């Protein structure tokens, strides 16, 4: 998986693009193959460690995206693999990310 990656906090110019292992959704999670992602001012603040919610580096920034559900974890019944979706997630792990199912909208 190719991802924008924050190795350490600082200006957006320090964000690197690199290959990361594909995540696997856990119970109650879905994996979204992201086609489009938004970058907003709060994302810049998070990257620079100036946002009210602190995120420990390393991490993949961003929380608004659209794509196709690529895998589902145990217990997920509300959505299926292949469903197009959008999400504004508060607990995301990677750019090809696993997200809890409630914020994902088919």
N, C-alpha and C. Protein backbone atom coordinates (compact mmCIF):
# COMPACT_ATOMS: atom_id res chain seq x y z
N UNK A 1 0.84 -1.16 0.00
CA UNK A 1 0.00 0.00 0.00
C UNK A 1 0.89 1.23 0.00
N UNK A 2 0.57 2.18 -0.84
CA UNK A 2 1.31 3.43 -0.90
C UNK A 2 0.59 4.44 -0.03
N UNK A 3 1.35 5.16 0.82
CA UNK A 3 0.71 6.06 1.78
C UNK A 3 1.57 7.29 2.03
N UNK A 4 0.89 8.41 2.30
CA UNK A 4 1.56 9.59 2.85
C UNK A 4 1.79 9.25 4.32
N UNK A 5 2.98 9.49 4.82
CA UNK A 5 3.39 8.98 6.13
C UNK A 5 4.14 10.06 6.89
N UNK A 6 3.75 10.27 8.14
CA UNK A 6 4.44 11.22 9.01
C UNK A 6 5.38 10.43 9.92
N UNK A 7 6.67 10.57 9.69
CA UNK A 7 7.67 9.88 10.50
C UNK A 7 7.88 10.63 11.81
N UNK A 8 7.92 11.96 11.72
CA UNK A 8 7.99 12.80 12.91
C UNK A 8 7.23 14.09 12.64
N UNK A 9 6.70 14.69 13.68
CA UNK A 9 5.91 15.92 13.52
C UNK A 9 6.76 17.04 12.96
N UNK A 10 6.11 17.90 12.18
CA UNK A 10 6.78 19.05 11.58
C UNK A 10 5.93 19.60 10.46
N UNK A 11 6.50 20.45 9.63
CA UNK A 11 5.73 21.05 8.53
C UNK A 11 5.32 19.99 7.51
N UNK A 12 4.27 20.27 6.73
CA UNK A 12 3.79 19.30 5.75
C UNK A 12 4.87 18.81 4.78
N UNK A 13 5.88 19.61 4.55
CA UNK A 13 6.95 19.21 3.63
C UNK A 13 7.70 17.97 4.13
N UNK A 14 7.57 17.65 5.41
CA UNK A 14 8.25 16.48 5.98
C UNK A 14 7.47 15.18 5.76
N UNK A 15 6.23 15.27 5.28
CA UNK A 15 5.44 14.07 5.02
C UNK A 15 6.09 13.34 3.84
N UNK A 16 6.27 12.03 4.00
CA UNK A 16 6.89 11.23 2.94
C UNK A 16 5.86 10.27 2.38
N UNK A 17 6.06 9.88 1.13
CA UNK A 17 5.21 8.87 0.51
C UNK A 17 6.03 7.60 0.45
N UNK A 18 5.47 6.51 0.99
CA UNK A 18 6.20 5.25 0.99
C UNK A 18 5.25 4.07 0.98
N UNK A 19 5.81 2.90 0.75
CA UNK A 19 5.06 1.66 0.79
C UNK A 19 4.96 1.18 2.22
N UNK A 20 3.74 0.78 2.63
CA UNK A 20 3.50 0.24 3.96
C UNK A 20 2.77 -1.09 3.81
N UNK A 21 2.86 -1.97 4.81
CA UNK A 21 2.11 -3.23 4.72
C UNK A 21 0.60 -2.97 4.69
N UNK A 22 -0.13 -3.79 3.94
CA UNK A 22 -1.58 -3.66 3.92
C UNK A 22 -2.14 -4.05 5.28
N UNK A 23 -3.04 -3.25 5.84
CA UNK A 23 -3.66 -3.60 7.12
C UNK A 23 -4.72 -4.68 6.92
N UNK A 24 -5.07 -5.32 8.00
CA UNK A 24 -6.12 -6.34 8.01
C UNK A 24 -7.18 -5.87 9.00
N UNK A 25 -8.46 -5.83 8.59
CA UNK A 25 -9.49 -5.37 9.52
C UNK A 25 -9.69 -6.35 10.67
N UNK A 26 -9.84 -5.80 11.86
CA UNK A 26 -10.15 -6.61 13.03
C UNK A 26 -11.65 -6.76 13.19
N UNK A 27 -12.08 -7.40 14.26
CA UNK A 27 -13.52 -7.56 14.50
C UNK A 27 -14.24 -6.21 14.53
N UNK A 28 -15.35 -6.11 13.79
CA UNK A 28 -16.13 -4.88 13.77
C UNK A 28 -15.54 -3.77 12.91
N UNK A 29 -14.49 -4.06 12.15
CA UNK A 29 -13.85 -3.05 11.31
C UNK A 29 -14.02 -3.41 9.84
N UNK A 30 -13.87 -2.37 8.99
CA UNK A 30 -13.84 -2.58 7.54
C UNK A 30 -12.55 -1.99 7.01
N UNK A 31 -12.10 -2.52 5.88
CA UNK A 31 -10.93 -1.99 5.20
C UNK A 31 -11.44 -1.30 3.94
N UNK A 32 -11.11 -0.03 3.77
CA UNK A 32 -11.54 0.73 2.61
C UNK A 32 -10.35 0.95 1.69
N UNK A 33 -10.48 0.50 0.44
CA UNK A 33 -9.48 0.81 -0.58
C UNK A 33 -9.78 2.22 -1.06
N UNK A 34 -8.96 3.16 -0.65
CA UNK A 34 -9.25 4.58 -0.85
C UNK A 34 -8.93 5.03 -2.27
N UNK A 35 -9.91 5.67 -2.89
CA UNK A 35 -9.75 6.24 -4.23
C UNK A 35 -9.51 7.74 -4.15
N UNK A 36 -10.16 8.41 -3.18
CA UNK A 36 -10.05 9.85 -3.02
C UNK A 36 -9.93 10.18 -1.54
N UNK A 37 -9.08 11.15 -1.23
CA UNK A 37 -8.90 11.58 0.16
C UNK A 37 -8.83 13.09 0.21
N UNK A 38 -9.35 13.66 1.29
CA UNK A 38 -9.31 15.11 1.49
C UNK A 38 -8.15 15.46 2.41
N UNK A 39 -7.59 16.63 2.17
CA UNK A 39 -6.59 17.19 3.08
C UNK A 39 -7.10 18.56 3.48
N UNK A 40 -7.28 18.75 4.77
CA UNK A 40 -7.84 19.99 5.29
C UNK A 40 -6.88 20.63 6.29
N UNK A 41 -7.21 21.86 6.67
CA UNK A 41 -6.36 22.57 7.62
C UNK A 41 -6.13 21.80 8.91
N UNK A 42 -7.15 21.13 9.50
CA UNK A 42 -6.86 20.34 10.70
C UNK A 42 -5.80 19.26 10.47
N UNK A 43 -5.75 18.69 9.25
CA UNK A 43 -4.72 17.70 8.96
C UNK A 43 -3.33 18.32 9.04
N UNK A 44 -3.18 19.53 8.54
CA UNK A 44 -1.90 20.23 8.63
C UNK A 44 -1.52 20.46 10.09
N UNK A 45 -2.51 20.83 10.91
CA UNK A 45 -2.23 21.02 12.34
C UNK A 45 -1.82 19.71 13.00
N UNK A 46 -2.46 18.61 12.66
CA UNK A 46 -2.09 17.31 13.23
C UNK A 46 -0.67 16.94 12.84
N UNK A 47 -0.33 17.11 11.57
CA UNK A 47 1.02 16.80 11.10
C UNK A 47 2.06 17.62 11.87
N UNK A 48 1.73 18.86 12.17
CA UNK A 48 2.66 19.76 12.87
C UNK A 48 2.53 19.66 14.40
N UNK A 49 1.68 18.72 14.87
CA UNK A 49 1.45 18.49 16.31
C UNK A 49 0.91 19.74 17.01
N UNK A 50 0.02 20.46 16.31
CA UNK A 50 -0.59 21.67 16.87
C UNK A 50 -2.10 21.54 17.03
N UNK A 51 -2.65 20.38 16.77
CA UNK A 51 -4.10 20.17 16.88
C UNK A 51 -4.45 19.81 18.32
N UNK A 52 -5.72 20.04 18.71
CA UNK A 52 -6.11 19.76 20.10
C UNK A 52 -6.05 18.27 20.43
N UNK A 53 -6.18 17.41 19.44
CA UNK A 53 -6.01 15.97 19.64
C UNK A 53 -4.61 15.62 19.18
N UNK A 54 -3.79 15.11 20.08
CA UNK A 54 -2.41 14.78 19.75
C UNK A 54 -2.32 13.35 19.20
N UNK A 55 -1.62 13.18 18.10
CA UNK A 55 -1.41 11.89 17.48
C UNK A 55 0.08 11.58 17.55
N UNK A 56 0.42 10.43 18.08
CA UNK A 56 1.83 10.04 18.16
C UNK A 56 2.35 9.63 16.80
N UNK A 57 3.54 10.10 16.45
CA UNK A 57 4.21 9.68 15.21
C UNK A 57 4.85 8.32 15.46
N UNK A 58 4.97 7.51 14.44
CA UNK A 58 4.58 7.72 13.04
C UNK A 58 3.09 7.44 12.82
N UNK A 59 2.51 8.08 11.79
CA UNK A 59 1.10 7.89 11.45
C UNK A 59 0.85 8.33 10.02
N UNK A 60 -0.32 7.95 9.52
CA UNK A 60 -0.81 8.38 8.21
C UNK A 60 -1.88 9.42 8.46
N UNK A 61 -1.69 10.67 8.01
CA UNK A 61 -2.68 11.72 8.29
C UNK A 61 -3.92 11.59 7.43
N UNK A 62 -4.97 12.28 7.88
CA UNK A 62 -6.20 12.35 7.11
C UNK A 62 -7.31 11.53 7.71
N UNK A 63 -8.55 11.95 7.47
CA UNK A 63 -9.68 11.21 8.02
C UNK A 63 -10.92 11.24 7.13
N UNK A 64 -10.89 11.95 6.03
CA UNK A 64 -12.03 11.99 5.11
C UNK A 64 -11.62 11.32 3.81
N UNK A 65 -12.43 10.35 3.39
CA UNK A 65 -12.04 9.61 2.20
C UNK A 65 -13.24 8.93 1.55
N UNK A 66 -13.03 8.48 0.31
CA UNK A 66 -14.04 7.72 -0.42
C UNK A 66 -13.33 6.59 -1.14
N UNK A 67 -14.00 5.47 -1.24
CA UNK A 67 -13.41 4.33 -1.91
C UNK A 67 -14.36 3.15 -1.94
N UNK A 68 -13.78 1.97 -1.98
CA UNK A 68 -14.53 0.73 -2.07
C UNK A 68 -14.11 -0.17 -0.91
N UNK A 69 -15.08 -0.79 -0.27
CA UNK A 69 -14.76 -1.69 0.83
C UNK A 69 -14.05 -2.91 0.26
N UNK A 70 -12.81 -3.13 0.75
CA UNK A 70 -11.98 -4.21 0.25
C UNK A 70 -12.00 -5.46 1.11
N UNK A 71 -12.35 -5.30 2.39
CA UNK A 71 -12.41 -6.45 3.30
C UNK A 71 -13.23 -6.04 4.52
N UNK A 72 -13.82 -7.02 5.17
CA UNK A 72 -14.57 -6.76 6.40
C UNK A 72 -14.10 -7.71 7.48
N UNK A 73 -14.11 -7.23 8.71
CA UNK A 73 -13.74 -8.05 9.85
C UNK A 73 -14.92 -8.85 10.36
N UNK A 74 -14.62 -9.73 11.29
CA UNK A 74 -15.67 -10.55 11.91
C UNK A 74 -16.77 -9.67 12.50
N UNK A 75 -18.00 -10.08 12.31
CA UNK A 75 -19.13 -9.39 12.91
C UNK A 75 -19.67 -8.23 12.10
N UNK A 76 -19.04 -7.89 10.98
CA UNK A 76 -19.54 -6.79 10.15
C UNK A 76 -20.60 -7.34 9.21
N UNK A 77 -21.81 -6.79 9.33
CA UNK A 77 -22.90 -7.25 8.48
C UNK A 77 -23.57 -6.11 7.72
N UNK A 78 -23.32 -4.87 8.12
CA UNK A 78 -24.02 -3.72 7.53
C UNK A 78 -23.52 -3.37 6.14
N UNK A 79 -22.28 -3.75 5.81
CA UNK A 79 -21.70 -3.44 4.50
C UNK A 79 -20.99 -4.68 3.99
N UNK A 80 -20.78 -4.72 2.66
CA UNK A 80 -20.13 -5.88 2.04
C UNK A 80 -18.94 -5.45 1.20
N UNK A 81 -18.03 -6.37 0.97
CA UNK A 81 -16.89 -6.13 0.07
C UNK A 81 -17.43 -5.70 -1.28
N UNK A 82 -16.81 -4.66 -1.86
CA UNK A 82 -17.22 -4.14 -3.16
C UNK A 82 -18.16 -2.96 -3.08
N UNK A 83 -18.68 -2.66 -1.90
CA UNK A 83 -19.57 -1.51 -1.71
C UNK A 83 -18.77 -0.22 -1.76
N UNK A 84 -19.22 0.75 -2.57
CA UNK A 84 -18.56 2.05 -2.54
C UNK A 84 -18.95 2.75 -1.25
N UNK A 85 -18.04 3.55 -0.72
CA UNK A 85 -18.31 4.18 0.57
C UNK A 85 -17.58 5.50 0.71
N UNK A 86 -18.09 6.31 1.62
CA UNK A 86 -17.41 7.52 2.05
C UNK A 86 -17.32 7.46 3.57
N UNK A 87 -16.37 8.18 4.12
CA UNK A 87 -16.24 8.15 5.58
C UNK A 87 -15.54 9.40 6.08
N UNK A 88 -15.91 9.78 7.26
CA UNK A 88 -15.17 10.77 8.04
C UNK A 88 -14.88 10.05 9.34
N UNK A 89 -13.69 9.53 9.45
CA UNK A 89 -13.35 8.64 10.54
C UNK A 89 -12.50 9.33 11.59
N UNK A 90 -12.72 8.94 12.84
CA UNK A 90 -11.92 9.50 13.92
C UNK A 90 -10.85 8.54 14.40
N UNK A 91 -10.93 7.27 14.03
CA UNK A 91 -9.92 6.31 14.45
C UNK A 91 -9.50 5.48 13.26
N UNK A 92 -8.58 6.04 12.49
CA UNK A 92 -8.10 5.35 11.30
C UNK A 92 -6.64 4.97 11.52
N UNK A 93 -6.22 3.90 10.87
CA UNK A 93 -4.88 3.41 11.11
C UNK A 93 -3.93 3.66 9.95
N UNK A 94 -4.38 3.56 8.72
CA UNK A 94 -3.48 3.72 7.58
C UNK A 94 -4.23 4.28 6.39
N UNK A 95 -3.49 4.63 5.34
CA UNK A 95 -4.11 5.23 4.16
C UNK A 95 -5.00 4.20 3.45
N UNK A 96 -4.58 2.96 3.35
CA UNK A 96 -5.53 1.91 2.99
C UNK A 96 -5.95 1.41 4.35
N UNK A 97 -6.99 1.93 4.86
CA UNK A 97 -7.20 1.95 6.29
C UNK A 97 -8.32 1.05 6.77
N UNK A 98 -8.15 0.64 7.99
CA UNK A 98 -9.23 -0.05 8.66
C UNK A 98 -9.95 1.00 9.50
N UNK A 99 -11.24 0.98 9.46
CA UNK A 99 -12.05 1.96 10.19
C UNK A 99 -13.20 1.23 10.83
N UNK A 100 -13.61 1.72 11.99
CA UNK A 100 -14.80 1.12 12.60
C UNK A 100 -15.98 1.34 11.67
N UNK A 101 -16.93 0.42 11.66
CA UNK A 101 -17.99 0.46 10.66
C UNK A 101 -18.99 1.60 10.81
N UNK A 102 -19.32 2.12 11.99
CA UNK A 102 -20.38 3.14 12.05
C UNK A 102 -20.18 4.37 11.17
N UNK A 103 -18.96 4.96 11.04
CA UNK A 103 -18.88 6.15 10.22
C UNK A 103 -18.85 5.91 8.72
N UNK A 104 -18.78 4.64 8.29
CA UNK A 104 -18.70 4.34 6.86
C UNK A 104 -20.10 4.35 6.28
N UNK A 105 -20.27 5.12 5.20
CA UNK A 105 -21.59 5.24 4.56
C UNK A 105 -21.55 4.62 3.18
N UNK A 106 -22.39 3.61 2.93
CA UNK A 106 -22.43 3.02 1.56
C UNK A 106 -23.10 3.98 0.59
